[in-house]
PDB file of N, CA and C in Angstrom:
ATOM      1  N   MET A   1       0.843  -1.178   0.000  1.00  0.00           N
ATOM      2  CA  MET A   1       0.000   0.000   0.000  1.00  0.00           C
ATOM      3  C   MET A   1       0.885   1.236   0.000  1.00  0.00           C
ATOM      4  N   ASN A   2       0.455   2.217  -0.738  1.00  0.00           N
ATOM      5  CA  ASN A   2       1.195   3.460  -0.834  1.00  0.00           C
ATOM      6  C   ASN A   2       1.074   4.214   0.496  1.00  0.00           C
ATOM      7  N   THR A   3       2.196   4.707   1.038  1.00  0.00           N
ATOM      8  CA  THR A   3       2.191   5.358   2.349  1.00  0.00           C
ATOM      9  C   THR A   3       1.478   6.704   2.325  1.00  0.00           C
ATOM     10  N   SER A   4       1.386   7.369   1.184  1.00  0.00           N
ATOM     11  CA  SER A   4       0.674   8.643   1.124  1.00  0.00           C
ATOM     12  C   SER A   4      -0.841   8.431   1.120  1.00  0.00           C
ATOM     13  N   LEU A   5      -1.288   7.240   0.816  1.00  0.00           N
ATOM     14  CA  LEU A   5      -2.713   6.931   0.785  1.00  0.00           C
ATOM     15  C   LEU A   5      -3.219   6.432   2.141  1.00  0.00           C
ATOM     16  N   ALA A   6      -2.344   5.938   2.998  1.00  0.00           N
ATOM     17  CA  ALA A   6      -2.743   5.365   4.287  1.00  0.00           C
ATOM     18  C   ALA A   6      -3.432   6.380   5.211  1.00  0.00           C
ATOM     19  N   PRO A   7      -2.920   7.592   5.387  1.00  0.00           N
ATOM     20  CA  PRO A   7      -3.624   8.542   6.262  1.00  0.00           C
ATOM     21  C   PRO A   7      -5.032   8.874   5.767  1.00  0.00           C
ATOM     22  N   PHE A   8      -5.183   8.964   4.470  1.00  0.00           N
ATOM     23  CA  PHE A   8      -6.496   9.247   3.905  1.00  0.00           C
ATOM     24  C   PHE A   8      -7.474   8.104   4.185  1.00  0.00           C
ATOM     25  N   LEU A   9      -7.019   6.873   4.067  1.00  0.00           N
ATOM     26  CA  LEU A   9      -7.877   5.723   4.353  1.00  0.00           C
ATOM     27  C   LEU A   9      -8.231   5.650   5.837  1.00  0.00           C
ATOM     28  N   TRP A  10      -7.286   5.978   6.720  1.00  0.00           N
ATOM     29  CA  TRP A  10      -7.584   6.014   8.154  1.00  0.00           C
ATOM     30  C   TRP A  10      -8.626   7.088   8.452  1.00  0.00           C
ATOM     31  N   PHE A  11      -8.502   8.224   7.807  1.00  0.00           N
ATOM     32  CA  PHE A  11      -9.467   9.306   7.984  1.00  0.00           C
ATOM     33  C   PHE A  11     -10.863   8.858   7.566  1.00  0.00           C
ATOM     34  N   LEU A  12     -10.976   8.184   6.424  1.00  0.00           N
ATOM     35  CA  LEU A  12     -12.272   7.673   5.966  1.00  0.00           C
ATOM     36  C   LEU A  12     -12.827   6.621   6.920  1.00  0.00           C
ATOM     37  N   ALA A  13     -11.962   5.778   7.458  1.00  0.00           N
ATOM     38  CA  ALA A  13     -12.414   4.750   8.399  1.00  0.00           C
ATOM     39  C   ALA A  13     -12.963   5.384   9.672  1.00  0.00           C
ATOM     40  N   ILE A  14     -12.296   6.407  10.166  1.00  0.00           N
ATOM     41  CA  ILE A  14     -12.764   7.091  11.380  1.00  0.00           C
ATOM     42  C   ILE A  14     -14.088   7.795  11.110  1.00  0.00           C
ATOM     43  N   LEU A  15     -14.216   8.436   9.970  1.00  0.00           N
ATOM     44  CA  LEU A  15     -15.481   9.087   9.619  1.00  0.00           C
ATOM     45  C   LEU A  15     -16.617   8.069   9.516  1.00  0.00           C
ATOM     46  N   ALA A  16     -16.325   6.887   9.009  1.00  0.00           N
ATOM     47  CA  ALA A  16     -17.348   5.851   8.895  1.00  0.00           C
ATOM     48  C   ALA A  16     -17.725   5.291  10.262  1.00  0.00           C
ATOM     49  N   LEU A  17     -16.804   5.306  11.211  1.00  0.00           N
ATOM     50  CA  LEU A  17     -17.082   4.767  12.541  1.00  0.00           C
ATOM     51  C   LEU A  17     -17.906   5.706  13.420  1.00  0.00           C
ATOM     52  N   ILE A  18     -17.895   6.989  13.150  1.00  0.00           N
ATOM     53  CA  ILE A  18     -18.609   7.949  13.994  1.00  0.00           C
ATOM     54  C   ILE A  18     -20.109   7.628  14.064  1.00  0.00           C
ATOM     55  N   PRO A  19     -20.825   7.445  12.950  1.00  0.00           N
ATOM     56  CA  PRO A  19     -22.253   7.110  13.063  1.00  0.00           C
ATOM     57  C   PRO A  19     -22.496   5.763  13.754  1.00  0.00           C
ATOM     58  N   VAL A  20     -21.614   4.814  13.534  1.00  0.00           N
ATOM     59  CA  VAL A  20     -21.766   3.498  14.171  1.00  0.00           C
ATOM     60  C   VAL A  20     -21.632   3.619  15.684  1.00  0.00           C
ATOM     61  N   VAL A  21     -20.640   4.365  16.150  1.00  0.00           N
ATOM     62  CA  VAL A  21     -20.437   4.542  17.590  1.00  0.00           C
ATOM     63  C   VAL A  21     -21.605   5.306  18.202  1.00  0.00           C
ATOM     64  N   LEU A  22     -22.099   6.335  17.531  1.00  0.00           N
ATOM     65  CA  LEU A  22     -23.243   7.081  18.042  1.00  0.00           C
ATOM     66  C   LEU A  22     -24.487   6.206  18.120  1.00  0.00           C
ATOM     67  N   TRP A  23     -24.704   5.359  17.125  1.00  0.00           N
ATOM     68  CA  TRP A  23     -25.837   4.449  17.124  1.00  0.00           C
ATOM     69  C   TRP A  23     -25.736   3.464  18.284  1.00  0.00           C
ATOM     70  N   LEU A  24     -24.544   2.910  18.504  1.00  0.00           N
ATOM     71  CA  LEU A  24     -24.351   1.971  19.612  1.00  0.00           C
ATOM     72  C   LEU A  24     -24.509   2.670  20.959  1.00  0.00           C
ATOM     73  N   LEU A  25     -23.991   3.867  21.079  1.00  0.00           N
ATOM     74  CA  LEU A  25     -24.084   4.607  22.331  1.00  0.00           C
ATOM     75  C   LEU A  25     -25.529   4.934  22.679  1.00  0.00           C
ATOM     76  N   LYS A  26     -26.331   5.178  21.664  1.00  0.00           N
ATOM     77  CA  LYS A  26     -27.738   5.495  21.873  1.00  0.00           C
ATOM     78  C   LYS A  26     -28.502   4.309  22.465  1.00  0.00           C
ATOM     79  N   ARG A  27     -28.026   3.098  22.201  1.00  0.00           N
ATOM     80  CA  ARG A  27     -28.727   1.900  22.640  1.00  0.00           C
ATOM     81  C   ARG A  27     -28.080   1.201  23.830  1.00  0.00           C
ATOM     82  N   THR A  28     -27.154   1.856  24.480  1.00  0.00           N
ATOM     83  CA  THR A  28     -26.516   1.277  25.658  1.00  0.00           C
ATOM     84  C   THR A  28     -26.872   2.088  26.889  1.00  0.00           C
ATOM     85  N   PRO A  29     -26.671   1.540  28.084  1.00  0.00           N
ATOM     86  CA  PRO A  29     -26.948   2.311  29.304  1.00  0.00           C
ATOM     87  C   PRO A  29     -26.135   3.601  29.407  1.00  0.00           C
ATOM     88  N   LEU A  30     -24.968   3.635  28.800  1.00  0.00           N
ATOM     89  CA  LEU A  30     -24.165   4.858  28.844  1.00  0.00           C
ATOM     90  C   LEU A  30     -24.834   6.005  28.094  1.00  0.00           C
ATOM     91  N   GLY A  31     -25.599   5.681  27.079  1.00  0.00           N
ATOM     92  CA  GLY A  31     -26.242   6.708  26.270  1.00  0.00           C
ATOM     93  C   GLY A  31     -27.610   7.118  26.758  1.00  0.00           C
ATOM     94  N   GLY A  32     -28.089   6.549  27.851  1.00  0.00           N
ATOM     95  CA  GLY A  32     -29.379   6.937  28.389  1.00  0.00           C
ATOM     96  C   GLY A  32     -30.501   5.975  28.060  1.00  0.00           C
ATOM     97  N   ALA A  33     -30.212   4.875  27.368  1.00  0.00           N
ATOM     98  CA  ALA A  33     -31.255   3.916  27.039  1.00  0.00           C
ATOM     99  C   ALA A  33     -31.710   3.138  28.267  1.00  0.00           C
ATOM    100  N   ALA A  34     -30.963   3.190  29.353  1.00  0.00           N
ATOM    101  CA  ALA A  34     -31.321   2.445  30.554  1.00  0.00           C
ATOM    102  C   ALA A  34     -32.507   3.057  31.276  1.00  0.00           C
ATOM    103  N   LEU A  35     -32.847   4.303  30.989  1.00  0.00           N
ATOM    104  CA  LEU A  35     -33.982   4.926  31.653  1.00  0.00           C
ATOM    105  C   LEU A  35     -35.273   4.183  31.354  1.00  0.00           C
ATOM    106  N   GLY A  36     -35.435   3.733  30.112  1.00  0.00           N
ATOM    107  CA  GLY A  36     -36.566   2.897  29.757  1.00  0.00           C
ATOM    108  C   GLY A  36     -37.922   3.466  30.122  1.00  0.00           C
ATOM    109  N   GLY A  37     -38.141   4.733  29.959  1.00  0.00           N
ATOM    110  CA  GLY A  37     -39.440   5.318  30.223  1.00  0.00           C
ATOM    111  C   GLY A  37     -39.650   5.744  31.661  1.00  0.00           C
ATOM    112  N   HIS A  38     -38.627   5.861  32.455  1.00  0.00           N
ATOM    113  CA  HIS A  38     -38.756   6.291  33.843  1.00  0.00           C
ATOM    114  C   HIS A  38     -38.808   7.805  33.968  1.00  0.00           C
ATOM    115  N   LEU A  39     -38.741   8.504  32.852  1.00  0.00           N
ATOM    116  CA  LEU A  39     -38.745   9.963  32.852  1.00  0.00           C
ATOM    117  C   LEU A  39     -39.668  10.423  31.732  1.00  0.00           C
ATOM    118  N   ARG A  40     -40.629  11.312  32.077  1.00  0.00           N
ATOM    119  CA  ARG A  40     -41.601  11.738  31.081  1.00  0.00           C
ATOM    120  C   ARG A  40     -41.989  13.181  31.362  1.00  0.00           C
ATOM    121  N   THR A  41     -42.029  13.998  30.308  1.00  0.00           N
ATOM    122  CA  THR A  41     -42.493  15.371  30.440  1.00  0.00           C
ATOM    123  C   THR A  41     -44.012  15.370  30.389  1.00  0.00           C
ATOM    124  N   VAL A  42     -44.646  15.885  31.430  1.00  0.00           N
ATOM    125  CA  VAL A  42     -46.103  15.905  31.512  1.00  0.00           C
ATOM    126  C   VAL A  42     -46.649  17.171  30.869  1.00  0.00           C
ATOM    127  N   ALA A  43     -46.098  18.323  31.221  1.00  0.00           N
ATOM    128  CA  ALA A  43     -46.563  19.597  30.676  1.00  0.00           C
ATOM    129  C   ALA A  43     -45.449  20.619  30.811  1.00  0.00           C
ATOM    130  N   GLN A  44     -45.537  21.668  29.993  1.00  0.00           N
ATOM    131  CA  GLN A  44     -44.572  22.759  30.118  1.00  0.00           C
ATOM    132  C   GLN A  44     -45.235  24.072  29.749  1.00  0.00           C
ATOM    133  N   LEU A  45     -44.743  25.122  30.369  1.00  0.00           N
ATOM    134  CA  LEU A  45     -45.247  26.467  30.137  1.00  0.00           C
ATOM    135  C   LEU A  45     -44.056  27.372  29.877  1.00  0.00           C
ATOM    136  N   VAL A  46     -44.041  27.999  28.706  1.00  0.00           N
ATOM    137  CA  VAL A  46     -42.947  28.896  28.352  1.00  0.00           C
ATOM    138  C   VAL A  46     -43.243  30.264  28.952  1.00  0.00           C
ATOM    139  N   ILE A  47     -42.322  30.728  29.791  1.00  0.00           N
ATOM    140  CA  ILE A  47     -42.460  32.035  30.433  1.00  0.00           C
ATOM    141  C   ILE A  47     -41.786  33.111  29.587  1.00  0.00           C
ATOM    142  N   ALA A  48     -40.594  32.832  29.122  1.00  0.00           N
ATOM    143  CA  ALA A  48     -39.805  33.730  28.279  1.00  0.00           C
ATOM    144  C   ALA A  48     -38.954  32.835  27.370  1.00  0.00           C
ATOM    145  N   PRO A  49     -38.240  33.404  26.403  1.00  0.00           N
ATOM    146  CA  PRO A  49     -37.455  32.560  25.500  1.00  0.00           C
ATOM    147  C   PRO A  49     -36.491  31.600  26.199  1.00  0.00           C
ATOM    148  N   SER A  50     -35.952  31.982  27.328  1.00  0.00           N
ATOM    149  CA  SER A  50     -35.019  31.077  28.010  1.00  0.00           C
ATOM    150  C   SER A  50     -35.529  30.646  29.380  1.00  0.00           C
ATOM    151  N   GLN A  51     -36.818  30.815  29.634  1.00  0.00           N
ATOM    152  CA  GLN A  51     -37.395  30.430  30.924  1.00  0.00           C
ATOM    153  C   GLN A  51     -38.670  29.641  30.701  1.00  0.00           C
ATOM    154  N   ARG A  52     -38.791  28.547  31.438  1.00  0.00           N
ATOM    155  CA  ARG A  52     -40.002  27.743  31.342  1.00  0.00           C
ATOM    156  C   ARG A  52     -40.245  26.985  32.634  1.00  0.00           C
ATOM    157  N   ILE A  53     -41.477  26.576  32.824  1.00  0.00           N
ATOM    158  CA  ILE A  53     -41.852  25.723  33.942  1.00  0.00           C
ATOM    159  C   ILE A  53     -42.258  24.388  33.336  1.00  0.00           C
ATOM    160  N   VAL A  54     -41.695  23.310  33.842  1.00  0.00           N
ATOM    161  CA  VAL A  54     -41.924  21.987  33.292  1.00  0.00           C
ATOM    162  C   VAL A  54     -42.344  21.050  34.417  1.00  0.00           C
ATOM    163  N   ILE A  55     -43.335  20.213  34.145  1.00  0.00           N
ATOM    164  CA  ILE A  55     -43.717  19.152  35.067  1.00  0.00           C
ATOM    165  C   ILE A  55     -43.180  17.850  34.481  1.00  0.00           C
ATOM    166  N   VAL A  56     -42.345  17.167  35.250  1.00  0.00           N
ATOM    167  CA  VAL A  56     -41.696  15.947  34.804  1.00  0.00           C
ATOM    168  C   VAL A  56     -42.101  14.806  35.732  1.00  0.00           C
ATOM    169  N   GLU A  57     -42.461  13.671  35.148  1.00  0.00           N
ATOM    170  CA  GLU A  57     -42.774  12.485  35.939  1.00  0.00           C
ATOM    171  C   GLU A  57     -41.535  11.608  35.989  1.00  0.00           C
ATOM    172  N   VAL A  58     -41.122  11.252  37.200  1.00  0.00           N
ATOM    173  CA  VAL A  58     -39.950  10.395  37.386  1.00  0.00           C
ATOM    174  C   VAL A  58     -40.374   9.159  38.164  1.00  0.00           C
ATOM    175  N   GLY A  59     -39.641   8.079  37.968  1.00  0.00           N
ATOM    176  CA  GLY A  59     -39.929   6.842  38.672  1.00  0.00           C
ATOM    177  C   GLY A  59     -40.907   5.976  37.914  1.00  0.00           C
ATOM    178  N   GLN A  60     -41.288   4.871  38.561  1.00  0.00           N
ATOM    179  CA  GLN A  60     -42.160   3.904  37.924  1.00  0.00           C
ATOM    180  C   GLN A  60     -43.021   3.239  38.980  1.00  0.00           C
ATOM    181  N   GLY A  61     -44.250   2.924  38.645  1.00  0.00           N
ATOM    182  CA  GLY A  61     -45.142   2.236  39.570  1.00  0.00           C
ATOM    183  C   GLY A  61     -45.506   3.097  40.766  1.00  0.00           C
ATOM    184  N   GLU A  62     -45.359   2.527  41.959  1.00  0.00           N
ATOM    185  CA  GLU A  62     -45.690   3.239  43.195  1.00  0.00           C
ATOM    186  C   GLU A  62     -44.677   4.326  43.538  1.00  0.00           C
ATOM    187  N   ASP A  63     -43.497   4.282  42.926  1.00  0.00           N
ATOM    188  CA  ASP A  63     -42.444   5.259  43.212  1.00  0.00           C
ATOM    189  C   ASP A  63     -42.523   6.498  42.324  1.00  0.00           C
ATOM    190  N   ARG A  64     -43.580   6.600  41.508  1.00  0.00           N
ATOM    191  CA  ARG A  64     -43.685   7.753  40.608  1.00  0.00           C
ATOM    192  C   ARG A  64     -43.903   9.033  41.395  1.00  0.00           C
ATOM    193  N   ARG A  65     -43.267  10.110  40.930  1.00  0.00           N
ATOM    194  CA  ARG A  65     -43.417  11.454  41.507  1.00  0.00           C
ATOM    195  C   ARG A  65     -43.452  12.450  40.360  1.00  0.00           C
ATOM    196  N   TRP A  66     -44.127  13.542  40.568  1.00  0.00           N
ATOM    197  CA  TRP A  66     -44.095  14.655  39.630  1.00  0.00           C
ATOM    198  C   TRP A  66     -43.237  15.750  40.228  1.00  0.00           C
ATOM    199  N   LEU A  67     -42.309  16.259  39.421  1.00  0.00           N
ATOM    200  CA  LEU A  67     -41.462  17.372  39.826  1.00  0.00           C
ATOM    201  C   LEU A  67     -41.835  18.589  38.993  1.00  0.00           C
ATOM    202  N   VAL A  68     -42.097  19.689  39.654  1.00  0.00           N
ATOM    203  CA  VAL A  68     -42.338  20.961  38.961  1.00  0.00           C
ATOM    204  C   VAL A  68     -41.000  21.685  38.957  1.00  0.00           C
ATOM    205  N   LEU A  69     -40.451  21.882  37.759  1.00  0.00           N
ATOM    206  CA  LEU A  69     -39.109  22.442  37.612  1.00  0.00           C
ATOM    207  C   LEU A  69     -39.168  23.823  36.973  1.00  0.00           C
ATOM    208  N   GLY A  70     -38.393  24.732  37.497  1.00  0.00           N
ATOM    209  CA  GLY A  70     -38.180  26.028  36.866  1.00  0.00           C
ATOM    210  C   GLY A  70     -36.867  25.957  36.109  1.00  0.00           C
ATOM    211  N   ILE A  71     -36.927  26.195  34.810  1.00  0.00           N
ATOM    212  CA  ILE A  71     -35.748  26.035  33.962  1.00  0.00           C
ATOM    213  C   ILE A  71     -35.390  27.371  33.337  1.00  0.00           C
ATOM    214  N   THR A  72     -34.133  27.770  33.513  1.00  0.00           N
ATOM    215  CA  THR A  72     -33.599  28.967  32.861  1.00  0.00           C
ATOM    216  C   THR A  72     -32.379  28.542  32.049  1.00  0.00           C
ATOM    217  N   GLY A  73     -31.742  29.504  31.432  1.00  0.00           N
ATOM    218  CA  GLY A  73     -30.540  29.203  30.668  1.00  0.00           C
ATOM    219  C   GLY A  73     -29.365  28.810  31.541  1.00  0.00           C
ATOM    220  N   GLN A  74     -29.405  29.168  32.819  1.00  0.00           N
ATOM    221  CA  GLN A  74     -28.271  28.902  33.705  1.00  0.00           C
ATOM    222  C   GLN A  74     -28.525  27.782  34.704  1.00  0.00           C
ATOM    223  N   GLN A  75     -29.783  27.503  35.056  1.00  0.00           N
ATOM    224  CA  GLN A  75     -30.028  26.523  36.113  1.00  0.00           C
ATOM    225  C   GLN A  75     -31.387  25.864  35.967  1.00  0.00           C
ATOM    226  N   ILE A  76     -31.527  24.742  36.677  1.00  0.00           N
ATOM    227  CA  ILE A  76     -32.798  24.052  36.811  1.00  0.00           C
ATOM    228  C   ILE A  76     -33.071  23.949  38.304  1.00  0.00           C
ATOM    229  N   ARG A  77     -34.232  24.417  38.735  1.00  0.00           N
ATOM    230  CA  ARG A  77     -34.555  24.421  40.160  1.00  0.00           C
ATOM    231  C   ARG A  77     -35.882  23.682  40.377  1.00  0.00           C
ATOM    232  N   THR A  78     -35.927  22.822  41.388  1.00  0.00           N
ATOM    233  CA  THR A  78     -37.162  22.132  41.747  1.00  0.00           C
ATOM    234  C   THR A  78     -38.054  23.099  42.515  1.00  0.00           C
ATOM    235  N   LEU A  79     -39.231  23.376  41.967  1.00  0.00           N
ATOM    236  CA  LEU A  79     -40.165  24.290  42.599  1.00  0.00           C
ATOM    237  C   LEU A  79     -41.122  23.555  43.527  1.00  0.00           C
ATOM    238  N   HIS A  80     -41.494  22.326  43.148  1.00  0.00           N
ATOM    239  CA  HIS A  80     -42.456  21.568  43.943  1.00  0.00           C
ATOM    240  C   HIS A  80     -42.339  20.094  43.576  1.00  0.00           C
ATOM    241  N   GLU A  81     -42.699  19.233  44.517  1.00  0.00           N
ATOM    242  CA  GLU A  81     -42.750  17.794  44.281  1.00  0.00           C
ATOM    243  C   GLU A  81     -44.109  17.304  44.748  1.00  0.00           C
ATOM    244  N   MET A  82     -44.774  16.464  43.924  1.00  0.00           N
ATOM    245  CA  MET A  82     -46.113  16.011  44.274  1.00  0.00           C
ATOM    246  C   MET A  82     -46.372  14.619  43.721  1.00  0.00           C
ATOM    247  N   PRO A  83     -47.385  13.946  44.241  1.00  0.00           N
ATOM    248  CA  PRO A  83     -47.740  12.651  43.673  1.00  0.00           C
ATOM    249  C   PRO A  83     -48.363  12.842  42.292  1.00  0.00           C
ATOM    250  N   PRO A  84     -48.321  11.818  41.449  1.00  0.00           N
ATOM    251  CA  PRO A  84     -48.897  11.949  40.101  1.00  0.00           C
ATOM    252  C   PRO A  84     -50.381  12.261  40.155  1.00  0.00           C
ATOM    253  N   GLN A  85     -50.817  13.143  39.299  1.00  0.00           N
ATOM    254  CA  GLN A  85     -52.216  13.537  39.185  1.00  0.00           C
ATOM    255  C   GLN A  85     -52.823  12.799  37.998  1.00  0.00           C
ATOM    256  N   PRO A  86     -54.154  12.820  37.877  1.00  0.00           N
ATOM    257  CA  PRO A  86     -54.737  12.295  36.640  1.00  0.00           C
ATOM    258  C   PRO A  86     -54.100  13.022  35.470  1.00  0.00           C
ATOM    259  N   ASP A  87     -53.961  12.351  34.362  1.00  0.00           N
ATOM    260  CA  ASP A  87     -53.155  12.866  33.251  1.00  0.00           C
ATOM    261  C   ASP A  87     -53.695  14.181  32.725  1.00  0.00           C
ATOM    262  N   VAL A  88     -53.268  15.278  33.343  1.00  0.00           N
ATOM    263  CA  VAL A  88     -53.697  16.616  32.940  1.00  0.00           C
ATOM    264  C   VAL A  88     -52.893  17.124  31.763  1.00  0.00           C
ATOM    265  N   GLY A  89     -51.773  16.498  31.454  1.00  0.00           N
ATOM    266  CA  GLY A  89     -50.956  16.942  30.329  1.00  0.00           C
ATOM    267  C   GLY A  89     -51.720  16.845  29.021  1.00  0.00           C
ATOM    268  N   VAL A  90     -52.459  15.765  28.838  1.00  0.00           N
ATOM    269  CA  VAL A  90     -53.248  15.595  27.622  1.00  0.00           C
ATOM    270  C   VAL A  90     -54.368  16.621  27.591  1.00  0.00           C
ATOM    271  N   ALA A  91     -55.009  16.865  28.745  1.00  0.00           N
ATOM    272  CA  ALA A  91     -56.082  17.851  28.801  1.00  0.00           C
ATOM    273  C   ALA A  91     -55.550  19.258  28.536  1.00  0.00           C
ATOM    274  N   LEU A  92     -54.351  19.573  29.050  1.00  0.00           N
ATOM    275  CA  LEU A  92     -53.769  20.894  28.805  1.00  0.00           C
ATOM    276  C   LEU A  92     -53.449  21.095  27.337  1.00  0.00           C
ATOM    277  N   GLN A  93     -52.902  20.061  26.697  1.00  0.00           N
ATOM    278  CA  GLN A  93     -52.561  20.182  25.288  1.00  0.00           C
ATOM    279  C   GLN A  93     -53.816  20.287  24.432  1.00  0.00           C
ATOM    280  N   ALA A  94     -54.888  19.584  24.820  1.00  0.00           N
ATOM    281  CA  ALA A  94     -56.130  19.655  24.056  1.00  0.00           C
ATOM    282  C   ALA A  94     -56.793  21.019  24.219  1.00  0.00           C
ATOM    283  N   ALA A  95     -56.616  21.651  25.373  1.00  0.00           N
ATOM    284  CA  ALA A  95     -57.244  22.947  25.615  1.00  0.00           C
ATOM    285  C   ALA A  95     -56.557  24.074  24.842  1.00  0.00           C
ATOM    286  N   GLN A  96     -55.280  23.901  24.530  1.00  0.00           N
ATOM    287  CA  GLN A  96     -54.561  24.931  23.793  1.00  0.00           C
ATOM    288  C   GLN A  96     -54.860  24.775  22.303  1.00  0.00           C
ATOM    289  N   PRO A  97     -55.280  25.853  21.650  1.00  0.00           N
ATOM    290  CA  PRO A  97     -55.578  25.743  20.226  1.00  0.00           C
ATOM    291  C   PRO A  97     -54.309  25.496  19.416  1.00  0.00           C
ATOM    292  N   SER A  98     -54.427  24.653  18.416  1.00  0.00           N
ATOM    293  CA  SER A  98     -53.279  24.368  17.572  1.00  0.00           C
ATOM    294  C   SER A  98     -53.080  25.507  16.575  1.00  0.00           C
ATOM    295  N   PHE A  99     -51.920  25.532  15.979  1.00  0.00           N
ATOM    296  CA  PHE A  99     -51.620  26.571  14.989  1.00  0.00           C
ATOM    297  C   PHE A  99     -52.567  26.466  13.801  1.00  0.00           C
ATOM    298  N   ALA A 100     -52.893  25.243  13.398  1.00  0.00           N
ATOM    299  CA  ALA A 100     -53.798  25.056  12.263  1.00  0.00           C
ATOM    300  C   ALA A 100     -55.179  25.632  12.562  1.00  0.00           C
ATOM    301  N   ASN A 101     -55.672  25.395  13.791  1.00  0.00           N
ATOM    302  CA  ASN A 101     -56.988  25.945  14.150  1.00  0.00           C
ATOM    303  C   ASN A 101     -56.954  27.462  14.218  1.00  0.00           C
ATOM    304  N   LEU A 102     -55.885  28.028  14.773  1.00  0.00           N
ATOM    305  CA  LEU A 102     -55.771  29.488  14.824  1.00  0.00           C
ATOM    306  C   LEU A 102     -55.703  30.086  13.423  1.00  0.00           C
ATOM    307  N   LEU A 103     -54.975  29.446  12.532  1.00  0.00           N
ATOM    308  CA  LEU A 103     -54.871  29.932  11.161  1.00  0.00           C
ATOM    309  C   LEU A 103     -56.211  29.850  10.459  1.00  0.00           C
ATOM    310  N   LYS A 104     -56.908  28.740  10.658  1.00  0.00           N
ATOM    311  CA  LYS A 104     -58.226  28.584  10.031  1.00  0.00           C
ATOM    312  C   LYS A 104     -59.188  29.652  10.543  1.00  0.00           C
ATOM    313  N   ARG A 105     -59.147  29.925  11.847  1.00  0.00           N
ATOM    314  CA  ARG A 105     -60.023  30.937  12.427  1.00  0.00           C
ATOM    315  C   ARG A 105     -59.676  32.327  11.890  1.00  0.00           C
ATOM    316  N   SER A 106     -58.378  32.613  11.740  1.00  0.00           N
ATOM    317  CA  SER A 106     -57.983  33.934  11.255  1.00  0.00           C
ATOM    318  C   SER A 106     -58.305  34.123   9.775  1.00  0.00           C
ATOM    319  N   LEU A 107     -58.375  33.024   9.019  1.00  0.00           N
ATOM    320  CA  LEU A 107     -58.733  33.108   7.604  1.00  0.00           C
ATOM    321  C   LEU A 107     -60.246  33.105   7.406  1.00  0.00           C
ATOM    322  N   GLY A 108     -60.978  33.095   8.493  1.00  0.00           N
ATOM    323  CA  GLY A 108     -62.435  33.149   8.392  1.00  0.00           C
ATOM    324  C   GLY A 108     -63.047  31.833   7.967  1.00  0.00           C
ATOM    325  N   GLY A 109     -62.439  30.732   8.357  1.00  0.00           N
ATOM    326  CA  GLY A 109     -63.004  29.425   8.034  1.00  0.00           C
ATOM    327  C   GLY A 109     -62.679  28.966   6.631  1.00  0.00           C
ATOM    328  N   ARG A 110     -61.717  29.576   5.997  1.00  0.00           N
ATOM    329  CA  ARG A 110     -61.341  29.185   4.637  1.00  0.00           C
ATOM    330  C   ARG A 110     -60.076  28.336   4.670  1.00  0.00           C
ATOM    331  N   ASN A 111     -59.967  27.470   3.702  1.00  0.00           N
ATOM    332  CA  ASN A 111     -58.749  26.683   3.557  1.00  0.00           C
ATOM    333  C   ASN A 111     -57.670  27.554   2.942  1.00  0.00           C
ATOM    334  N   ALA A 112     -56.466  27.028   2.897  1.00  0.00           N
ATOM    335  CA  ALA A 112     -55.344  27.788   2.360  1.00  0.00           C
ATOM    336  C   ALA A 112     -55.542  28.127   0.878  1.00  0.00           C
ATOM    337  N   ASP A 113     -56.326  27.298   0.139  1.00  0.00           N
ATOM    338  CA  ASP A 113     -56.537  27.573  -1.286  1.00  0.00           C
ATOM    339  C   ASP A 113     -57.682  28.540  -1.537  1.00  0.00           C
ATOM    340  N   GLY A 114     -58.311  29.060  -0.457  1.00  0.00           N
ATOM    341  CA  GLY A 114     -59.360  30.054  -0.611  1.00  0.00           C
ATOM    342  C   GLY A 114     -60.756  29.489  -0.635  1.00  0.00           C
ATOM    343  N   THR A 115     -60.876  28.160  -0.655  1.00  0.00           N
ATOM    344  CA  THR A 115     -62.200  27.557  -0.665  1.00  0.00           C
ATOM    345  C   THR A 115     -62.733  27.472   0.738  1.00  0.00           C
ATOM    346  N   GLY A 116     -64.012  27.218   0.875  1.00  0.00           N
ATOM    347  CA  GLY A 116     -64.635  27.089   2.192  1.00  0.00           C
ATOM    348  C   GLY A 116     -64.200  25.838   2.902  1.00  0.00           C
ATOM    349  N   VAL A 117     -64.635  25.693   4.130  1.00  0.00           N
ATOM    350  CA  VAL A 117     -64.259  24.556   4.975  1.00  0.00           C
ATOM    351  C   VAL A 117     -64.828  23.332   4.442  1.00  0.00           C
TER     352      VAL A 117
END
């Protein structure tokens, strides 16, 4: 093998290995696959571009808890801890109008092509 070609081939081999290593890491406990659904975002409220309040469910079975977290660009602070409530996250998302519904309402009930509903 030509010695001037060897570094180029090593470079290509390393580039080819990067996606493989990332794929493997994603499916191992080191990459966070060990959580297995023990962490779930229930609801979130955006206060400002870099500030939000998030309700996160942690644990499984009888050990489940809801954490109300205040999140900024610099820190995450636990605001409250409570037992799981009936699934209000789905109800909150259903109560908020979607962008499509807001657009339809602002267009006066017309579709994007100008025809009626």
